[in-house]
């Protein structure tokens, strides 16, 4: 899993696409919020952010 992020960052650096990095990070963060919101009891604490 960590290798995927290393490869992704290396791709961004090589292709000069560093502007994509914030978009990817936001999508990963939203995905993690959705997963943890459905699986754990954190759902009532996540609702105010949406």
C-alpha atoms as a PDB file:
ATOM      1  CA  UNK A   1       0.000   0.000   0.000  1.00  0.00           C
ATOM      2  CA  UNK A   2       2.807   2.389   0.834  1.00  0.00           C
ATOM      3  CA  UNK A   3       4.499   1.620  -2.486  1.00  0.00           C
ATOM      4  CA  UNK A   4       1.434   2.903  -4.327  1.00  0.00           C
ATOM      5  CA  UNK A   5       1.817   6.316  -2.702  1.00  0.00           C
ATOM      6  CA  UNK A   6       5.556   6.353  -3.404  1.00  0.00           C
ATOM      7  CA  UNK A   7       4.954   5.533  -7.055  1.00  0.00           C
ATOM      8  CA  UNK A   8       2.221   8.148  -7.280  1.00  0.00           C
ATOM      9  CA  UNK A   9       4.455  10.868  -5.836  1.00  0.00           C
ATOM     10  CA  UNK A  10       7.324   9.821  -8.130  1.00  0.00           C
ATOM     11  CA  UNK A  11       4.947  10.061 -11.099  1.00  0.00           C
ATOM     12  CA  UNK A  12       3.828  13.544 -10.052  1.00  0.00           C
ATOM     13  CA  UNK A  13       7.424  14.727  -9.713  1.00  0.00           C
ATOM     14  CA  UNK A  14       8.551  13.216 -13.004  1.00  0.00           C
ATOM     15  CA  UNK A  15       5.616  14.502 -15.041  1.00  0.00           C
ATOM     16  CA  UNK A  16       5.480  17.912 -13.290  1.00  0.00           C
ATOM     17  CA  UNK A  17       1.908  17.278 -12.163  1.00  0.00           C
ATOM     18  CA  UNK A  18       2.258  18.416  -8.562  1.00  0.00           C
ATOM     19  CA  UNK A  19      -1.033  20.310  -8.861  1.00  0.00           C
ATOM     20  CA  UNK A  20      -2.832  16.933  -8.820  1.00  0.00           C
ATOM     21  CA  UNK A  21      -1.487  16.032  -5.379  1.00  0.00           C
ATOM     22  CA  UNK A  22      -4.007  18.114  -3.357  1.00  0.00           C
ATOM     23  CA  UNK A  23      -6.891  16.666  -5.368  1.00  0.00           C
ATOM     24  CA  UNK A  24      -5.738  13.099  -4.720  1.00  0.00           C
ATOM     25  CA  UNK A  25      -5.215  13.790  -1.012  1.00  0.00           C
ATOM     26  CA  UNK A  26      -8.694  15.284  -0.648  1.00  0.00           C
ATOM     27  CA  UNK A  27     -10.259  12.281  -2.389  1.00  0.00           C
ATOM     28  CA  UNK A  28      -8.365   9.865  -0.125  1.00  0.00           C
ATOM     29  CA  UNK A  29      -9.409  11.856   2.950  1.00  0.00           C
ATOM     30  CA  UNK A  30     -13.078  11.838   1.920  1.00  0.00           C
ATOM     31  CA  UNK A  31     -12.890   8.103   1.241  1.00  0.00           C
ATOM     32  CA  UNK A  32     -11.417   7.457   4.692  1.00  0.00           C
ATOM     33  CA  UNK A  33     -14.128   9.561   6.331  1.00  0.00           C
ATOM     34  CA  UNK A  34     -16.790   7.579   4.504  1.00  0.00           C
ATOM     35  CA  UNK A  35     -15.268   4.228   5.474  1.00  0.00           C
ATOM     36  CA  UNK A  36     -14.782   5.142   9.136  1.00  0.00           C
ATOM     37  CA  UNK A  37     -18.200   6.759   9.266  1.00  0.00           C
ATOM     38  CA  UNK A  38     -19.921   3.603   8.131  1.00  0.00           C
ATOM     39  CA  UNK A  39     -17.876   1.121  10.135  1.00  0.00           C
ATOM     40  CA  UNK A  40     -17.359   2.789  13.503  1.00  0.00           C
ATOM     41  CA  UNK A  41     -19.434   4.778  15.922  1.00  0.00           C
ATOM     42  CA  UNK A  42     -17.939   8.056  14.695  1.00  0.00           C
ATOM     43  CA  UNK A  43     -20.938   8.826  12.505  1.00  0.00           C
ATOM     44  CA  UNK A  44     -22.618  11.315  14.897  1.00  0.00           C
ATOM     45  CA  UNK A  45     -19.349  13.260  15.125  1.00  0.00           C
ATOM     46  CA  UNK A  46     -18.799  13.365  11.359  1.00  0.00           C
ATOM     47  CA  UNK A  47     -22.260  14.736  10.409  1.00  0.00           C
ATOM     48  CA  UNK A  48     -21.538  18.345  11.486  1.00  0.00           C
ATOM     49  CA  UNK A  49     -18.731  18.544   8.904  1.00  0.00           C
ATOM     50  CA  UNK A  50     -21.113  17.905   5.998  1.00  0.00           C
END
